[in-house]
Amino acid sequence: MSAWCSSTRPAQERPTAPRSWLGRRGSFPPRSVHSAGADELALAPPALAGTEGAPAGRRREAACEPTVAATYGSRLIVGTGKYASVAETEAAIDASGAEIITVAVRRVDLHDRSEGSLMGLLARRAKLEGSSADAAGETGPRRWTLLPNTAGCYTADDAIRTLRLARELGIGDLVKLEVIGDKETLYPDNEETLKAAEVLVKEGFTVLPYCFDDPILCRKLEDVGCAAVMPLAAPIGSGLGIRNPHNLSLILEKAKVPVLVDAGVGTASDAAVAMELGCDGLLINTAIAHAKDPVRMARAMKLAVEAGRDAFLAGRMPKARHANASSPTKGMIE
């Protein structure tokens, strides 16, 4: 079965948070952990061929038919914008340990792959066809997976055209869909995002949509075949942290695809909080690029994501209203 259709796997293959998790979430039931192998992030391509016009339930069933999911050891996705230099970009990404690297297709020169250019760096580290690394068969630093995004697009048609261009240039089929509805808040346009997602999934793209922390919208995006949902934690570039953990919890309870927090993380503690809630990963750019020391912050984010994930899997202790001595009270010496 597809690695992200965790609800269809046998119970023994679906790790869940321990019972103490209920103490943190009140009456919410534990959520199945979306994992593959040694707790890897799995992103599956669409399996909706021949289901156009079918009811949502049939599309959901089709999405759980066998597909080959790409798996990643790191649950941190990082961006490439706002750094002081290309060299700093590479150093920070390496320090983050991220394997998936996102790039704004409309904000870089996709044809300039010269030494010292951002696209030259991405082509070399992703070993795109025709790059110097591809030609030389280099086996040095780990290979990056590029995630083209549609930042700057305000309509579904613009986003679709942008990602088709990225595919034609050989950047890949794994894409981040971003359709902005307002220039000031940079909030996503729900209707245009859903419209674009449906078209892109039918064309075989593995779609990761940026969206509001709206459980209903996330369900609809999942129903059309998106490989994950990417609810915002706060406005893009704000660094405000996790503003609505309750909504994220509601999304996490129902989602059968990975939930990746996108936008709003400001520092390492924000990343840890998101992962402790049970999120499957995060996408971070500004918090790293605008730090006084981006490379050190990238490393901090890496450790925070790992610590938050471990804490979620371990399950926190129940909260209590009163003190409870940590040392035993029986058998005390009188």
Protein backbone atom coordinates (compact mmCIF):
# COMPACT_ATOMS: atom_id res chain seq x y z
CA MET A 1 0.00 0.00 0.00
CA SER A 2 1.04 3.60 -0.38
CA ALA A 3 3.22 4.63 2.53
CA TRP A 4 1.03 7.58 3.42
CA CYS A 5 -2.24 5.62 3.49
CA SER A 6 -1.41 4.56 7.03
CA SER A 7 -5.01 3.82 8.00
CA THR A 8 -5.10 0.88 5.58
CA ARG A 9 -2.06 -0.90 6.99
CA PRO A 10 -2.26 -3.62 9.69
CA ALA A 11 -2.42 -2.24 13.22
CA GLN A 12 1.01 -3.57 14.13
CA GLU A 13 2.52 -1.51 11.30
CA ARG A 14 0.88 1.74 12.42
CA PRO A 15 2.83 3.17 15.37
CA THR A 16 0.77 5.52 17.52
CA ALA A 17 1.61 7.82 20.36
CA PRO A 18 1.39 6.18 23.80
CA ARG A 19 -1.70 6.57 25.97
CA SER A 20 -0.12 9.48 27.83
CA TRP A 21 -0.62 11.46 24.64
CA LEU A 22 -4.27 11.83 25.67
CA GLY A 23 -3.14 13.89 28.63
CA ARG A 24 -1.81 16.52 26.27
CA ARG A 25 -4.73 16.61 23.89
CA GLY A 26 -7.67 16.24 26.21
CA SER A 27 -10.21 13.89 24.60
CA PHE A 28 -8.53 13.73 21.19
CA PRO A 29 -7.62 10.18 20.13
CA PRO A 30 -3.98 9.40 19.25
CA ARG A 31 -3.10 9.89 15.61
CA SER A 32 -1.46 7.21 13.49
CA VAL A 33 2.09 8.21 12.67
CA HIS A 34 2.77 8.59 8.94
CA SER A 35 6.10 6.87 8.61
CA ALA A 36 8.01 4.56 6.32
CA GLY A 37 10.83 2.26 7.27
CA ALA A 38 12.94 3.82 10.01
CA ASP A 39 10.49 6.66 10.64
CA GLU A 40 10.98 8.39 7.31
CA LEU A 41 8.78 10.97 5.64
CA ALA A 42 6.94 9.39 2.69
CA LEU A 43 5.43 11.37 -0.18
CA ALA A 44 3.45 9.32 -2.69
CA PRO A 45 2.61 10.35 -6.26
CA PRO A 46 -1.07 10.43 -7.25
CA ALA A 47 -2.93 7.24 -8.11
CA LEU A 48 -6.05 8.80 -9.55
CA ALA A 49 -5.81 7.82 -13.20
CA GLY A 50 -9.25 7.08 -14.59
CA THR A 51 -11.11 8.56 -11.62
CA GLU A 52 -11.94 11.96 -13.11
CA GLY A 53 -15.49 12.84 -12.15
CA ALA A 54 -15.69 10.03 -9.60
CA PRO A 55 -17.08 10.70 -6.11
CA ALA A 56 -14.63 11.83 -3.46
CA GLY A 57 -14.84 8.45 -1.75
CA ARG A 58 -13.74 6.63 -4.88
CA ARG A 59 -10.89 9.07 -5.36
CA ARG A 60 -9.80 8.46 -1.77
CA GLU A 61 -9.84 4.68 -2.41
CA ALA A 62 -7.85 5.14 -5.62
CA ALA A 63 -5.30 7.22 -3.74
CA CYS A 64 -4.64 4.21 -1.50
CA GLU A 65 -3.94 1.84 -4.37
CA PRO A 66 -0.30 0.70 -4.71
CA THR A 67 2.08 3.49 -5.65
CA VAL A 68 5.78 4.00 -5.12
CA ALA A 69 6.38 6.61 -2.42
CA ALA A 70 9.58 8.60 -2.22
CA THR A 71 10.98 8.53 1.32
CA TYR A 72 13.20 11.05 3.10
CA GLY A 73 15.22 10.73 6.29
CA SER A 74 14.86 14.42 7.13
CA ARG A 75 11.47 15.90 8.03
CA LEU A 76 12.73 19.43 7.43
CA ILE A 77 12.23 21.13 4.06
CA VAL A 78 14.10 24.39 3.53
CA GLY A 79 13.85 27.29 1.11
CA THR A 80 16.50 29.08 -0.94
CA GLY A 81 15.39 32.71 -0.76
CA LYS A 82 16.63 35.71 1.25
CA TYR A 83 20.18 34.51 1.92
CA ALA A 84 23.11 36.93 1.66
CA SER A 85 24.91 34.80 -0.92
CA VAL A 86 24.78 31.52 -2.80
CA ALA A 87 27.62 30.21 -0.63
CA GLU A 88 25.66 30.98 2.53
CA THR A 89 22.62 29.27 1.02
CA GLU A 90 24.56 26.05 0.47
CA ALA A 91 26.19 26.12 3.90
CA ALA A 92 22.87 26.66 5.68
CA ILE A 93 21.09 23.94 3.72
CA ASP A 94 23.89 21.49 4.49
CA ALA A 95 23.71 22.39 8.19
CA SER A 96 19.94 21.81 8.20
CA GLY A 97 20.30 18.23 6.98
CA ALA A 98 17.33 18.81 4.65
CA GLU A 99 16.93 16.61 1.60
CA ILE A 100 14.04 18.48 -0.04
CA ILE A 101 14.91 22.02 -1.14
CA THR A 102 12.27 24.39 -2.46
CA VAL A 103 12.85 27.07 -5.09
CA ALA A 104 10.50 29.80 -6.36
CA VAL A 105 10.27 29.09 -10.08
CA ARG A 106 9.14 32.61 -10.96
CA ARG A 107 11.88 34.31 -8.95
CA VAL A 108 15.02 32.68 -10.30
CA ASP A 109 16.54 32.46 -13.76
CA LEU A 110 15.95 28.80 -14.51
CA HIS A 111 18.24 28.90 -17.51
CA ASP A 112 21.27 30.42 -15.72
CA ARG A 113 23.16 27.43 -14.39
CA SER A 114 26.54 29.12 -14.37
CA GLU A 115 28.99 28.76 -11.49
CA GLY A 116 27.97 31.07 -8.65
CA SER A 117 24.30 31.33 -9.61
CA LEU A 118 21.52 29.94 -7.44
CA MET A 119 20.23 27.72 -10.21
CA GLY A 120 23.79 26.56 -10.85
CA LEU A 121 24.02 25.48 -7.19
CA LEU A 122 20.66 23.71 -7.30
CA ALA A 123 21.44 21.95 -10.57
CA ARG A 124 24.80 20.78 -9.20
CA ARG A 125 23.48 19.51 -5.87
CA ALA A 126 20.34 17.98 -7.38
CA LYS A 127 22.48 16.58 -10.22
CA LEU A 128 20.02 17.70 -12.83
CA GLU A 129 20.58 16.45 -16.36
CA GLY A 130 23.24 18.53 -18.07
CA SER A 131 24.71 19.93 -14.84
CA SER A 132 28.44 19.75 -14.12
CA ALA A 133 27.82 17.17 -11.36
CA ASP A 134 25.71 15.06 -13.71
CA ALA A 135 28.35 15.17 -16.43
CA ALA A 136 31.18 14.32 -14.05
CA GLY A 137 29.25 11.65 -12.19
CA GLU A 138 30.15 13.25 -8.86
CA THR A 139 29.37 11.36 -5.67
CA GLY A 140 30.29 14.09 -3.12
CA PRO A 141 27.73 15.80 -0.85
CA ARG A 142 24.27 14.31 -0.53
CA ARG A 143 21.91 14.85 -3.42
CA TRP A 144 19.11 17.35 -3.00
CA THR A 145 15.55 16.80 -4.18
CA LEU A 146 14.21 20.02 -5.68
CA LEU A 147 10.70 21.19 -4.85
CA PRO A 148 9.67 23.90 -7.34
CA ASN A 149 7.08 26.25 -5.87
CA THR A 150 4.67 28.80 -7.33
CA ALA A 151 5.41 31.77 -5.06
CA GLY A 152 4.13 34.93 -6.74
CA CYS A 153 1.21 33.23 -8.48
CA TYR A 154 -2.26 34.69 -7.87
CA THR A 155 -4.40 32.41 -10.03
CA ALA A 156 -4.71 28.70 -10.59
CA ASP A 157 -3.80 29.13 -14.26
CA ASP A 158 -0.55 30.95 -13.39
CA ALA A 159 0.43 28.25 -10.92
CA ILE A 160 -0.33 25.44 -13.37
CA ARG A 161 1.69 27.07 -16.16
CA THR A 162 4.61 27.69 -13.80
CA LEU A 163 4.82 24.08 -12.68
CA ARG A 164 4.45 22.76 -16.22
CA LEU A 165 7.48 24.90 -17.10
CA ALA A 166 9.45 23.46 -14.19
CA ARG A 167 8.63 19.95 -15.38
CA GLU A 168 9.69 20.74 -18.96
CA LEU A 169 13.04 22.01 -17.66
CA GLY A 170 13.61 18.73 -15.86
CA ILE A 171 13.26 20.06 -12.30
CA GLY A 172 10.75 17.37 -11.35
CA ASP A 173 7.16 16.37 -10.61
CA LEU A 174 7.25 16.89 -6.83
CA VAL A 175 5.84 20.42 -6.48
CA LYS A 176 4.70 22.92 -3.87
CA LEU A 177 1.50 24.63 -4.93
CA GLU A 178 1.09 28.19 -3.67
CA VAL A 179 -1.72 30.42 -4.96
CA ILE A 180 -1.79 33.74 -3.11
CA GLY A 181 -5.07 35.56 -2.53
CA ASP A 182 -3.84 38.79 -0.93
CA LYS A 183 -0.59 40.74 -1.47
CA GLU A 184 -0.47 42.13 2.06
CA THR A 185 -1.12 39.03 4.16
CA LEU A 186 0.12 36.54 1.54
CA TYR A 187 -2.73 34.29 2.63
CA PRO A 188 -3.61 31.52 0.16
CA ASP A 189 -6.66 31.59 -2.11
CA ASN A 190 -8.66 28.49 -1.15
CA GLU A 191 -10.71 28.17 -4.34
CA GLU A 192 -7.81 28.75 -6.73
CA THR A 193 -5.56 26.40 -4.76
CA LEU A 194 -8.13 23.59 -4.91
CA LYS A 195 -8.75 24.21 -8.62
CA ALA A 196 -5.03 24.09 -9.44
CA ALA A 197 -4.43 21.04 -7.26
CA GLU A 198 -7.07 19.01 -9.07
CA VAL A 199 -5.57 19.80 -12.49
CA LEU A 200 -1.98 19.14 -11.41
CA VAL A 201 -2.81 15.81 -9.76
CA LYS A 202 -4.54 14.64 -12.95
CA GLU A 203 -1.37 15.56 -14.86
CA GLY A 204 0.71 13.33 -12.60
CA PHE A 205 2.32 15.90 -10.31
CA THR A 206 2.98 15.04 -6.67
CA VAL A 207 1.33 18.09 -5.14
CA LEU A 208 2.08 19.67 -1.76
CA PRO A 209 -0.35 22.61 -1.36
CA TYR A 210 0.19 25.62 0.90
CA CYS A 211 -3.16 26.30 2.58
CA PHE A 212 -4.98 27.70 5.59
CA ASP A 213 -5.11 25.67 8.80
CA ASP A 214 -8.65 24.71 7.82
CA PRO A 215 -9.58 21.04 8.40
CA ILE A 216 -12.29 21.13 5.71
CA LEU A 217 -10.00 22.56 3.04
CA CYS A 218 -7.27 20.08 3.95
CA ARG A 219 -9.76 17.22 3.56
CA LYS A 220 -10.78 18.50 0.12
CA LEU A 221 -7.15 18.80 -0.97
CA GLU A 222 -6.55 15.25 0.21
CA ASP A 223 -9.64 14.05 -1.65
CA VAL A 224 -8.41 15.41 -4.99
CA GLY A 225 -5.17 13.48 -4.54
CA CYS A 226 -2.60 15.80 -2.95
CA ALA A 227 0.35 13.90 -1.49
CA ALA A 228 0.36 16.07 1.65
CA VAL A 229 -1.20 19.24 3.01
CA MET A 230 0.82 22.26 4.13
CA PRO A 231 -1.24 24.40 6.53
CA LEU A 232 0.30 27.69 7.61
CA ALA A 233 1.23 28.25 11.24
CA ALA A 234 1.23 32.05 10.84
CA PRO A 235 1.62 34.49 7.92
CA ILE A 236 4.58 33.89 5.60
CA GLY A 237 7.78 35.46 6.91
CA SER A 238 6.15 36.68 10.15
CA GLY A 239 8.03 34.41 12.56
CA LEU A 240 5.00 34.45 14.87
CA GLY A 241 5.16 30.73 15.60
CA ILE A 242 2.26 28.28 15.94
CA ARG A 243 -0.74 30.57 16.31
CA ASN A 244 -3.50 27.95 16.27
CA PRO A 245 -2.35 24.56 17.60
CA HIS A 246 -5.99 23.54 18.05
CA ASN A 247 -6.72 23.72 14.31
CA LEU A 248 -3.53 21.84 13.53
CA SER A 249 -4.66 19.12 15.95
CA LEU A 250 -8.00 18.86 14.16
CA ILE A 251 -6.24 18.49 10.81
CA LEU A 252 -3.84 15.90 12.20
CA GLU A 253 -6.66 13.74 13.57
CA LYS A 254 -8.36 13.34 10.21
CA ALA A 255 -5.55 13.53 7.66
CA LYS A 256 -4.47 10.36 5.88
CA VAL A 257 -1.62 12.17 4.16
CA PRO A 258 1.39 13.87 5.78
CA VAL A 259 0.76 17.25 7.39
CA LEU A 260 3.68 19.63 6.83
CA VAL A 261 3.60 23.01 8.58
CA ASP A 262 4.44 25.81 6.16
CA ALA A 263 5.06 29.46 7.09
CA GLY A 264 5.26 31.25 10.44
CA VAL A 265 8.04 29.35 12.24
CA GLY A 266 10.40 31.89 13.81
CA THR A 267 12.84 29.89 15.89
CA ALA A 268 13.75 26.37 16.92
CA SER A 269 11.18 26.12 19.73
CA ASP A 270 8.39 26.78 17.19
CA ALA A 271 9.62 23.87 15.10
CA ALA A 272 9.71 21.60 18.14
CA VAL A 273 6.14 22.55 19.09
CA ALA A 274 4.85 21.71 15.62
CA MET A 275 6.55 18.33 15.66
CA GLU A 276 5.35 17.56 19.19
CA LEU A 277 1.79 18.14 18.00
CA GLY A 278 2.32 15.26 15.58
CA CYS A 279 3.07 17.14 12.36
CA ASP A 280 5.02 15.10 9.83
CA GLY A 281 7.44 17.85 8.91
CA LEU A 282 8.01 21.56 8.32
CA LEU A 283 9.06 23.92 5.57
CA ILE A 284 11.26 26.76 6.83
CA ASN A 285 12.99 29.59 4.97
CA THR A 286 12.91 33.08 6.50
CA ALA A 287 13.59 31.93 10.08
CA ILE A 288 16.90 30.50 8.89
CA ALA A 289 17.88 33.03 6.21
CA HIS A 290 17.13 36.09 8.40
CA ALA A 291 18.84 34.78 11.54
CA LYS A 292 22.01 36.57 12.63
CA ASP A 293 23.84 33.30 11.97
CA PRO A 294 21.86 31.35 9.33
CA VAL A 295 24.12 28.30 9.42
CA ARG A 296 23.82 27.92 13.18
CA MET A 297 20.05 28.49 13.04
CA ALA A 298 19.76 25.85 10.32
CA ARG A 299 21.49 23.39 12.61
CA ALA A 300 19.21 24.41 15.48
CA MET A 301 16.14 23.77 13.30
CA LYS A 302 17.46 20.34 12.39
CA LEU A 303 17.88 19.40 16.04
CA ALA A 304 14.49 20.90 17.00
CA VAL A 305 12.67 18.88 14.36
CA GLU A 306 14.39 15.70 15.49
CA ALA A 307 13.72 16.42 19.18
CA GLY A 308 10.08 17.31 18.56
CA ARG A 309 9.54 14.15 16.54
CA ASP A 310 11.13 12.00 19.26
CA ALA A 311 9.00 13.68 21.91
CA PHE A 312 5.83 12.99 19.89
CA LEU A 313 6.74 9.33 19.41
CA ALA A 314 7.70 8.97 23.08
CA GLY A 315 4.43 10.55 24.26
CA ARG A 316 4.49 13.24 26.92
CA MET A 317 3.34 12.62 30.47
CA PRO A 318 -0.26 13.53 31.35
CA LYS A 319 -0.80 17.01 32.71
CA ALA A 320 -2.01 17.21 36.32
CA ARG A 321 -3.54 19.98 38.41
CA HIS A 322 -1.55 19.11 41.53
CA ALA A 323 2.01 18.18 42.41
CA ASN A 324 3.11 14.56 42.31
CA ALA A 325 6.38 13.71 44.07
CA SER A 326 8.96 12.20 41.77
CA SER A 327 10.53 10.13 44.54
CA PRO A 328 8.63 7.16 46.09
CA THR A 329 6.56 7.76 49.21
CA LYS A 330 6.39 4.10 50.30
CA GLY A 331 9.14 2.52 52.33
CA MET A 332 10.46 5.86 53.61
CA ILE A 333 12.86 5.72 56.57
CA GLU A 334 11.05 7.00 59.68
